[in-house]
Amino acid sequence: MGCGLSTPDNDGGGGARRKQGSVGDVVVFLPGLRAPMGVDLSQALAGRLDKGAVERLSALRARVVDMAMQESAVALKPRRKAAARQGSSTANLLQALEDYLPLLLGLVKEGGELRHSVQFVWTNQEDKAEETAMADAWYEVLSVLHLMAMVCLLQANSLLLPRAYGDGYGPRVSEESRRATVDVFLKASGYLDCAIRQVLPQIPSELRRQLPVDLAEGNLKALSLQALGQLMKFEMAQLVLPLFQNR
């Protein structure tokens, strides 16, 4: 993941519109999305969990599977086309993940009786052969937190895409989008920090060695630090920009 920062020429050759500055086209690069594959929770949890709870958990996970697959397909498109189609879709996926996570955590509570009841399967959007299955609910929690962080970075890409506002100035990123991007970067880093500090230690070392590369501790830490780095670069650009707006 990295960030490119460029400031386009908005003066149209005459300099008349120079005051309406922009931080330019900031791009957030991220690994391919990991998406959950369908599993039969009702069969795996039959007789071990309340039927209503199983149905609720199954419905929420099925929604996440469907939306994640759709988002993965969009994310594979060229960046500008993908970013233009994201926004509400990423917000809906993030909400679905936030709804699913509390119920999922129920599988790792109560003494861990249900922790190993389900074989959870995830795959990488860019390499369908990279499919990882583990009968450990903590693996599912880790994968969910990682996907939540990736969705936040997709949101950042969408927010930082310059748009035309029909006011005579060139395409730019609005102040509202800039403020929202700060929160998005912080959320992404927070999800990754939770994954590193709270979830990874719950997974036995032998299973941790079997985790896909995207979920390796070193990669999670690097991604978290780079999310914060993106935030710092963005805020620095915001500080520097006013120096040039009145020139």
C-alpha atoms as a PDB file:
ATOM      1  CA  MET A   1       0.000   0.000   0.000  1.00  0.00           C
ATOM      2  CA  GLY A   2       1.292   3.470  -0.780  1.00  0.00           C
ATOM      3  CA  CYS A   3       0.181   6.953  -1.548  1.00  0.00           C
ATOM      4  CA  GLY A   4       0.770   9.236  -4.505  1.00  0.00           C
ATOM      5  CA  LEU A   5       0.162  12.944  -4.132  1.00  0.00           C
ATOM      6  CA  SER A   6      -0.109  15.290  -7.089  1.00  0.00           C
ATOM      7  CA  THR A   7      -1.542  18.762  -7.500  1.00  0.00           C
ATOM      8  CA  PRO A   8      -3.151  19.335 -10.895  1.00  0.00           C
ATOM      9  CA  ASP A   9      -2.959  22.660 -12.705  1.00  0.00           C
ATOM     10  CA  ASN A  10      -6.311  24.338 -12.082  1.00  0.00           C
ATOM     11  CA  ASP A  11      -5.562  27.732 -13.558  1.00  0.00           C
ATOM     12  CA  GLY A  12      -6.582  26.830 -17.139  1.00  0.00           C
ATOM     13  CA  GLY A  13      -3.484  28.657 -18.378  1.00  0.00           C
ATOM     14  CA  GLY A  14      -4.592  32.078 -17.100  1.00  0.00           C
ATOM     15  CA  GLY A  15      -4.380  31.847 -13.349  1.00  0.00           C
ATOM     16  CA  ALA A  16      -7.864  33.284 -12.802  1.00  0.00           C
ATOM     17  CA  ARG A  17      -9.089  30.334 -10.773  1.00  0.00           C
ATOM     18  CA  ARG A  18      -5.996  29.728  -8.650  1.00  0.00           C
ATOM     19  CA  LYS A  19      -7.670  30.454  -5.308  1.00  0.00           C
ATOM     20  CA  GLN A  20      -9.782  27.316  -5.420  1.00  0.00           C
ATOM     21  CA  GLY A  21      -6.906  25.016  -4.470  1.00  0.00           C
ATOM     22  CA  SER A  22      -6.941  21.270  -4.077  1.00  0.00           C
ATOM     23  CA  VAL A  23      -4.801  18.650  -2.376  1.00  0.00           C
ATOM     24  CA  GLY A  24      -4.805  16.917  -5.770  1.00  0.00           C
ATOM     25  CA  ASP A  25      -5.371  13.298  -6.610  1.00  0.00           C
ATOM     26  CA  VAL A  26      -4.413  11.267  -3.537  1.00  0.00           C
ATOM     27  CA  VAL A  27      -4.418   7.519  -4.150  1.00  0.00           C
ATOM     28  CA  VAL A  28      -4.587   4.774  -1.549  1.00  0.00           C
ATOM     29  CA  PHE A  29      -3.163   1.451  -2.683  1.00  0.00           C
ATOM     30  CA  LEU A  30      -4.201  -1.699  -0.826  1.00  0.00           C
ATOM     31  CA  PRO A  31      -3.915  -5.473  -1.123  1.00  0.00           C
ATOM     32  CA  GLY A  32      -6.632  -7.487  -2.839  1.00  0.00           C
ATOM     33  CA  LEU A  33      -9.752  -7.955  -0.765  1.00  0.00           C
ATOM     34  CA  ARG A  34     -10.257 -11.225   1.074  1.00  0.00           C
ATOM     35  CA  ALA A  35     -13.856 -12.413   0.858  1.00  0.00           C
ATOM     36  CA  PRO A  36     -15.674 -15.066   2.920  1.00  0.00           C
ATOM     37  CA  MET A  37     -17.036 -18.161   1.230  1.00  0.00           C
ATOM     38  CA  GLY A  38     -20.410 -19.651   2.130  1.00  0.00           C
ATOM     39  CA  VAL A  39     -20.571 -22.176   4.971  1.00  0.00           C
ATOM     40  CA  ASP A  40     -23.500 -24.106   6.455  1.00  0.00           C
ATOM     41  CA  LEU A  41     -23.714 -22.668   9.953  1.00  0.00           C
ATOM     42  CA  SER A  42     -27.054 -24.322  10.684  1.00  0.00           C
ATOM     43  CA  GLN A  43     -25.583 -27.789  10.246  1.00  0.00           C
ATOM     44  CA  ALA A  44     -22.386 -27.023  12.149  1.00  0.00           C
ATOM     45  CA  LEU A  45     -24.180 -25.411  15.092  1.00  0.00           C
ATOM     46  CA  ALA A  46     -27.328 -27.559  15.203  1.00  0.00           C
ATOM     47  CA  GLY A  47     -28.162 -28.472  18.772  1.00  0.00           C
ATOM     48  CA  ARG A  48     -25.258 -26.447  20.118  1.00  0.00           C
ATOM     49  CA  LEU A  49     -26.743 -22.969  19.843  1.00  0.00           C
ATOM     50  CA  ASP A  50     -30.253 -21.548  20.048  1.00  0.00           C
ATOM     51  CA  LYS A  51     -32.031 -21.944  16.704  1.00  0.00           C
ATOM     52  CA  GLY A  52     -32.939 -18.266  16.509  1.00  0.00           C
ATOM     53  CA  ALA A  53     -29.330 -17.254  17.151  1.00  0.00           C
ATOM     54  CA  VAL A  54     -28.114 -19.653  14.458  1.00  0.00           C
ATOM     55  CA  GLU A  55     -30.585 -18.252  11.937  1.00  0.00           C
ATOM     56  CA  ARG A  56     -29.573 -14.693  12.768  1.00  0.00           C
ATOM     57  CA  LEU A  57     -25.863 -15.520  12.510  1.00  0.00           C
ATOM     58  CA  SER A  58     -26.409 -17.387   9.224  1.00  0.00           C
ATOM     59  CA  ALA A  59     -28.388 -14.521   7.719  1.00  0.00           C
ATOM     60  CA  LEU A  60     -25.822 -11.904   8.692  1.00  0.00           C
ATOM     61  CA  ARG A  61     -22.892 -13.942   7.377  1.00  0.00           C
ATOM     62  CA  ALA A  62     -24.717 -14.723   4.115  1.00  0.00           C
ATOM     63  CA  ARG A  63     -25.269 -10.984   3.657  1.00  0.00           C
ATOM     64  CA  VAL A  64     -21.574 -10.312   4.245  1.00  0.00           C
ATOM     65  CA  VAL A  65     -20.601 -13.055   1.764  1.00  0.00           C
ATOM     66  CA  ASP A  66     -22.862 -11.643  -0.943  1.00  0.00           C
ATOM     67  CA  MET A  67     -21.822  -8.020  -0.453  1.00  0.00           C
ATOM     68  CA  ALA A  68     -18.109  -8.837  -0.133  1.00  0.00           C
ATOM     69  CA  MET A  69     -18.156 -10.791  -3.385  1.00  0.00           C
ATOM     70  CA  GLN A  70     -19.837  -7.875  -5.154  1.00  0.00           C
ATOM     71  CA  GLU A  71     -17.357  -5.406  -3.709  1.00  0.00           C
ATOM     72  CA  SER A  72     -14.441  -7.626  -4.699  1.00  0.00           C
ATOM     73  CA  ALA A  73     -15.648  -7.662  -8.296  1.00  0.00           C
ATOM     74  CA  VAL A  74     -15.924  -3.860  -8.334  1.00  0.00           C
ATOM     75  CA  ALA A  75     -12.501  -3.410  -6.710  1.00  0.00           C
ATOM     76  CA  LEU A  76     -10.856  -5.347  -9.542  1.00  0.00           C
ATOM     77  CA  LYS A  77     -12.011  -2.743 -12.085  1.00  0.00           C
ATOM     78  CA  PRO A  78      -9.782   0.223 -13.057  1.00  0.00           C
ATOM     79  CA  ARG A  79      -9.328   2.538 -10.068  1.00  0.00           C
ATOM     80  CA  ARG A  80     -11.443   5.470 -11.214  1.00  0.00           C
ATOM     81  CA  LYS A  81     -14.317   3.302 -12.390  1.00  0.00           C
ATOM     82  CA  ALA A  82     -14.211   1.317  -9.163  1.00  0.00           C
ATOM     83  CA  ALA A  83     -14.032   4.393  -6.925  1.00  0.00           C
ATOM     84  CA  ALA A  84     -16.926   6.004  -8.779  1.00  0.00           C
ATOM     85  CA  ARG A  85     -19.129   2.981  -8.058  1.00  0.00           C
ATOM     86  CA  GLN A  86     -18.130   2.690  -4.419  1.00  0.00           C
ATOM     87  CA  GLY A  87     -19.329   4.886  -1.558  1.00  0.00           C
ATOM     88  CA  SER A  88     -22.734   3.622  -0.507  1.00  0.00           C
ATOM     89  CA  SER A  89     -21.758   0.034  -1.333  1.00  0.00           C
ATOM     90  CA  THR A  90     -18.689   0.112   0.903  1.00  0.00           C
ATOM     91  CA  ALA A  91     -20.697   1.800   3.663  1.00  0.00           C
ATOM     92  CA  ASN A  92     -23.303  -0.963   3.434  1.00  0.00           C
ATOM     93  CA  LEU A  93     -20.656  -3.678   3.538  1.00  0.00           C
ATOM     94  CA  LEU A  94     -18.992  -2.075   6.546  1.00  0.00           C
ATOM     95  CA  GLN A  95     -22.358  -1.899   8.318  1.00  0.00           C
ATOM     96  CA  ALA A  96     -23.020  -5.565   7.531  1.00  0.00           C
ATOM     97  CA  LEU A  97     -19.639  -6.503   9.007  1.00  0.00           C
ATOM     98  CA  GLU A  98     -20.316  -4.399  12.104  1.00  0.00           C
ATOM     99  CA  ASP A  99     -23.667  -6.170  12.547  1.00  0.00           C
ATOM    100  CA  TYR A 100     -22.097  -9.603  12.104  1.00  0.00           C
ATOM    101  CA  LEU A 101     -19.074  -9.169  14.376  1.00  0.00           C
ATOM    102  CA  PRO A 102     -20.870  -9.041  17.792  1.00  0.00           C
ATOM    103  CA  LEU A 103     -22.749 -12.282  17.096  1.00  0.00           C
ATOM    104  CA  LEU A 104     -19.566 -13.909  15.825  1.00  0.00           C
ATOM    105  CA  LEU A 105     -17.810 -13.024  19.061  1.00  0.00           C
ATOM    106  CA  GLY A 106     -20.435 -15.101  20.853  1.00  0.00           C
ATOM    107  CA  LEU A 107     -18.803 -18.206  19.358  1.00  0.00           C
ATOM    108  CA  VAL A 108     -15.530 -17.490  21.152  1.00  0.00           C
ATOM    109  CA  LYS A 109     -17.152 -16.783  24.513  1.00  0.00           C
ATOM    110  CA  GLU A 110     -18.787 -19.104  27.016  1.00  0.00           C
ATOM    111  CA  GLY A 111     -15.575 -21.012  27.614  1.00  0.00           C
ATOM    112  CA  GLY A 112     -14.922 -21.465  23.890  1.00  0.00           C
ATOM    113  CA  GLU A 113     -17.294 -24.435  23.517  1.00  0.00           C
ATOM    114  CA  LEU A 114     -18.362 -23.287  20.059  1.00  0.00           C
ATOM    115  CA  ARG A 115     -15.032 -21.902  18.943  1.00  0.00           C
ATOM    116  CA  HIS A 116     -14.051 -24.882  16.779  1.00  0.00           C
ATOM    117  CA  SER A 117     -17.526 -25.841  15.592  1.00  0.00           C
ATOM    118  CA  VAL A 118     -17.397 -24.180  12.161  1.00  0.00           C
ATOM    119  CA  GLN A 119     -14.869 -24.476   9.323  1.00  0.00           C
ATOM    120  CA  PHE A 120     -14.601 -20.891   8.103  1.00  0.00           C
ATOM    121  CA  VAL A 121     -13.377 -20.361   4.534  1.00  0.00           C
ATOM    122  CA  TRP A 122     -11.992 -17.171   2.957  1.00  0.00           C
ATOM    123  CA  THR A 123     -10.431 -16.467  -0.420  1.00  0.00           C
ATOM    124  CA  ASN A 124      -8.410 -13.655  -1.976  1.00  0.00           C
ATOM    125  CA  GLN A 125     -10.080 -11.703  -4.797  1.00  0.00           C
ATOM    126  CA  GLU A 126      -6.880 -11.579  -6.845  1.00  0.00           C
ATOM    127  CA  ASP A 127      -5.992 -15.262  -6.434  1.00  0.00           C
ATOM    128  CA  LYS A 128      -8.922 -17.644  -6.093  1.00  0.00           C
ATOM    129  CA  ALA A 129      -6.442 -20.458  -5.417  1.00  0.00           C
ATOM    130  CA  GLU A 130      -5.456 -18.664  -2.227  1.00  0.00           C
ATOM    131  CA  GLU A 131      -8.282 -20.149  -0.168  1.00  0.00           C
ATOM    132  CA  THR A 132      -7.776 -20.664   3.551  1.00  0.00           C
ATOM    133  CA  ALA A 133     -10.084 -22.721   5.794  1.00  0.00           C
ATOM    134  CA  MET A 134      -9.789 -22.967   9.565  1.00  0.00           C
ATOM    135  CA  ALA A 135     -12.082 -24.408  12.215  1.00  0.00           C
ATOM    136  CA  ASP A 136     -11.464 -21.533  14.600  1.00  0.00           C
ATOM    137  CA  ALA A 137     -13.863 -18.659  15.226  1.00  0.00           C
ATOM    138  CA  TRP A 138     -10.927 -16.389  16.082  1.00  0.00           C
ATOM    139  CA  TYR A 139      -9.725 -16.830  12.490  1.00  0.00           C
ATOM    140  CA  GLU A 140     -13.108 -15.577  11.338  1.00  0.00           C
ATOM    141  CA  VAL A 141     -12.890 -12.597  13.721  1.00  0.00           C
ATOM    142  CA  LEU A 142      -9.414 -11.776  12.424  1.00  0.00           C
ATOM    143  CA  SER A 143     -10.583 -12.006   8.811  1.00  0.00           C
ATOM    144  CA  VAL A 144     -13.592  -9.791   9.512  1.00  0.00           C
ATOM    145  CA  LEU A 145     -11.468  -7.078  11.151  1.00  0.00           C
ATOM    146  CA  HIS A 146      -9.016  -7.184   8.246  1.00  0.00           C
ATOM    147  CA  LEU A 147     -11.851  -6.839   5.734  1.00  0.00           C
ATOM    148  CA  MET A 148     -13.321  -3.935   7.724  1.00  0.00           C
ATOM    149  CA  ALA A 149      -9.977  -2.142   7.483  1.00  0.00           C
ATOM    150  CA  MET A 150      -9.729  -2.829   3.744  1.00  0.00           C
ATOM    151  CA  VAL A 151     -13.263  -1.514   3.204  1.00  0.00           C
ATOM    152  CA  CYS A 152     -12.278   1.679   5.023  1.00  0.00           C
ATOM    153  CA  LEU A 153      -9.352   2.118   2.635  1.00  0.00           C
ATOM    154  CA  LEU A 154     -11.681   1.561  -0.316  1.00  0.00           C
ATOM    155  CA  GLN A 155     -13.853   4.327   1.142  1.00  0.00           C
ATOM    156  CA  ALA A 156     -10.796   6.568   1.313  1.00  0.00           C
ATOM    157  CA  ASN A 157     -10.145   5.951  -2.387  1.00  0.00           C
ATOM    158  CA  SER A 158     -13.703   6.946  -3.193  1.00  0.00           C
ATOM    159  CA  LEU A 159     -13.623  10.044  -0.979  1.00  0.00           C
ATOM    160  CA  LEU A 160     -10.310  11.240  -2.429  1.00  0.00           C
ATOM    161  CA  LEU A 161     -11.425  10.980  -6.047  1.00  0.00           C
ATOM    162  CA  PRO A 162     -11.660  14.580  -7.392  1.00  0.00           C
ATOM    163  CA  ARG A 163     -15.142  15.473  -8.600  1.00  0.00           C
ATOM    164  CA  ALA A 164     -16.536  18.296 -10.712  1.00  0.00           C
ATOM    165  CA  TYR A 165     -19.081  20.556  -8.986  1.00  0.00           C
ATOM    166  CA  GLY A 166     -20.206  22.658 -11.958  1.00  0.00           C
ATOM    167  CA  ASP A 167     -18.974  25.920 -10.401  1.00  0.00           C
ATOM    168  CA  GLY A 168     -16.353  26.799 -12.977  1.00  0.00           C
ATOM    169  CA  TYR A 169     -13.456  25.343 -11.035  1.00  0.00           C
ATOM    170  CA  GLY A 170     -11.685  22.122 -11.912  1.00  0.00           C
ATOM    171  CA  PRO A 171     -12.421  18.739 -10.294  1.00  0.00           C
ATOM    172  CA  ARG A 172     -11.454  18.692  -6.622  1.00  0.00           C
ATOM    173  CA  VAL A 173     -11.919  16.923  -3.316  1.00  0.00           C
ATOM    174  CA  SER A 174     -14.526  18.664  -1.154  1.00  0.00           C
ATOM    175  CA  GLU A 175     -13.817  19.797   2.409  1.00  0.00           C
ATOM    176  CA  GLU A 176     -16.478  17.369   3.647  1.00  0.00           C
ATOM    177  CA  SER A 177     -14.725  14.473   1.904  1.00  0.00           C
ATOM    178  CA  ARG A 178     -11.379  15.521   3.336  1.00  0.00           C
ATOM    179  CA  ARG A 179     -12.760  15.520   6.875  1.00  0.00           C
ATOM    180  CA  ALA A 180     -14.443  12.163   6.323  1.00  0.00           C
ATOM    181  CA  THR A 181     -11.185  10.693   5.034  1.00  0.00           C
ATOM    182  CA  VAL A 182      -9.441  11.497   8.325  1.00  0.00           C
ATOM    183  CA  ASP A 183     -12.014   9.431  10.214  1.00  0.00           C
ATOM    184  CA  VAL A 184     -11.777   6.604   7.673  1.00  0.00           C
ATOM    185  CA  PHE A 185      -7.997   6.312   8.024  1.00  0.00           C
ATOM    186  CA  LEU A 186      -8.291   6.304  11.814  1.00  0.00           C
ATOM    187  CA  LYS A 187     -10.952   3.585  11.707  1.00  0.00           C
ATOM    188  CA  ALA A 188      -8.832   1.424   9.404  1.00  0.00           C
ATOM    189  CA  SER A 189      -5.851   1.708  11.729  1.00  0.00           C
ATOM    190  CA  GLY A 190      -8.064   0.988  14.736  1.00  0.00           C
ATOM    191  CA  TYR A 191      -9.470  -2.218  13.250  1.00  0.00           C
ATOM    192  CA  LEU A 192      -5.962  -3.420  12.405  1.00  0.00           C
ATOM    193  CA  ASP A 193      -4.651  -2.534  15.857  1.00  0.00           C
ATOM    194  CA  CYS A 194      -7.490  -4.536  17.426  1.00  0.00           C
ATOM    195  CA  ALA A 195      -6.658  -7.486  15.175  1.00  0.00           C
ATOM    196  CA  ILE A 196      -2.996  -7.355  16.214  1.00  0.00           C
ATOM    197  CA  ARG A 197      -3.429  -6.765  19.930  1.00  0.00           C
ATOM    198  CA  GLN A 198      -6.656  -8.560  20.779  1.00  0.00           C
ATOM    199  CA  VAL A 199      -7.219 -11.304  18.213  1.00  0.00           C
ATOM    200  CA  LEU A 200      -3.891 -12.668  16.981  1.00  0.00           C
ATOM    201  CA  PRO A 201      -2.778 -13.638  20.519  1.00  0.00           C
ATOM    202  CA  GLN A 202      -5.890 -15.861  20.785  1.00  0.00           C
ATOM    203  CA  ILE A 203      -4.797 -18.013  17.839  1.00  0.00           C
ATOM    204  CA  PRO A 204      -2.321 -20.819  18.643  1.00  0.00           C
ATOM    205  CA  SER A 205       1.154 -20.388  17.144  1.00  0.00           C
ATOM    206  CA  GLU A 206       0.810 -23.472  14.926  1.00  0.00           C
ATOM    207  CA  LEU A 207      -2.365 -22.063  13.364  1.00  0.00           C
ATOM    208  CA  ARG A 208      -0.845 -18.613  13.023  1.00  0.00           C
ATOM    209  CA  ARG A 209       1.836 -20.117  10.807  1.00  0.00           C
ATOM    210  CA  GLN A 210      -0.947 -21.324   8.494  1.00  0.00           C
ATOM    211  CA  LEU A 211      -2.585 -17.912   8.132  1.00  0.00           C
ATOM    212  CA  PRO A 212      -2.547 -16.351   4.652  1.00  0.00           C
ATOM    213  CA  VAL A 213       0.129 -13.719   4.115  1.00  0.00           C
ATOM    214  CA  ASP A 214      -2.399 -10.854   4.342  1.00  0.00           C
ATOM    215  CA  LEU A 215      -3.149 -11.834   7.956  1.00  0.00           C
ATOM    216  CA  ALA A 216       0.446 -12.315   9.070  1.00  0.00           C
ATOM    217  CA  GLU A 217       1.306 -10.110  12.049  1.00  0.00           C
ATOM    218  CA  GLY A 218       4.054  -8.244  10.192  1.00  0.00           C
ATOM    219  CA  ASN A 219       1.753  -7.374   7.300  1.00  0.00           C
ATOM    220  CA  LEU A 220      -1.053  -6.258   9.618  1.00  0.00           C
ATOM    221  CA  LYS A 221       1.361  -3.981  11.482  1.00  0.00           C
ATOM    222  CA  ALA A 222       2.763  -2.562   8.251  1.00  0.00           C
ATOM    223  CA  LEU A 223      -0.734  -1.896   6.918  1.00  0.00           C
ATOM    224  CA  SER A 224      -1.762  -0.181  10.161  1.00  0.00           C
ATOM    225  CA  LEU A 225       1.323   2.026  10.135  1.00  0.00           C
ATOM    226  CA  GLN A 226       0.799   2.918   6.484  1.00  0.00           C
ATOM    227  CA  ALA A 227      -2.836   3.845   7.139  1.00  0.00           C
ATOM    228  CA  LEU A 228      -1.576   6.294   9.759  1.00  0.00           C
ATOM    229  CA  GLY A 229       1.112   7.398   7.328  1.00  0.00           C
ATOM    230  CA  GLN A 230      -1.534   8.164   4.714  1.00  0.00           C
ATOM    231  CA  LEU A 231      -3.335  10.259   7.306  1.00  0.00           C
ATOM    232  CA  MET A 232      -0.178  12.206   8.160  1.00  0.00           C
ATOM    233  CA  LYS A 233       0.577  12.868   4.465  1.00  0.00           C
ATOM    234  CA  PHE A 234      -2.970  14.005   3.884  1.00  0.00           C
ATOM    235  CA  GLU A 235      -2.938  16.358   6.880  1.00  0.00           C
ATOM    236  CA  MET A 236       0.455  17.720   5.830  1.00  0.00           C
ATOM    237  CA  ALA A 237      -0.936  18.494   2.383  1.00  0.00           C
ATOM    238  CA  GLN A 238      -3.810  20.315   4.052  1.00  0.00           C
ATOM    239  CA  LEU A 239      -1.346  22.453   6.015  1.00  0.00           C
ATOM    240  CA  VAL A 240       0.808  23.276   2.994  1.00  0.00           C
ATOM    241  CA  LEU A 241      -2.019  23.976   0.533  1.00  0.00           C
ATOM    242  CA  PRO A 242      -3.126  27.362   2.002  1.00  0.00           C
ATOM    243  CA  LEU A 243       0.390  28.709   1.431  1.00  0.00           C
ATOM    244  CA  PHE A 244      -0.174  28.449  -2.335  1.00  0.00           C
ATOM    245  CA  GLN A 245      -3.858  29.378  -2.610  1.00  0.00           C
ATOM    246  CA  ASN A 246      -3.307  33.141  -2.627  1.00  0.00           C
ATOM    247  CA  ARG A 247      -0.243  33.177  -4.864  1.00  0.00           C
END
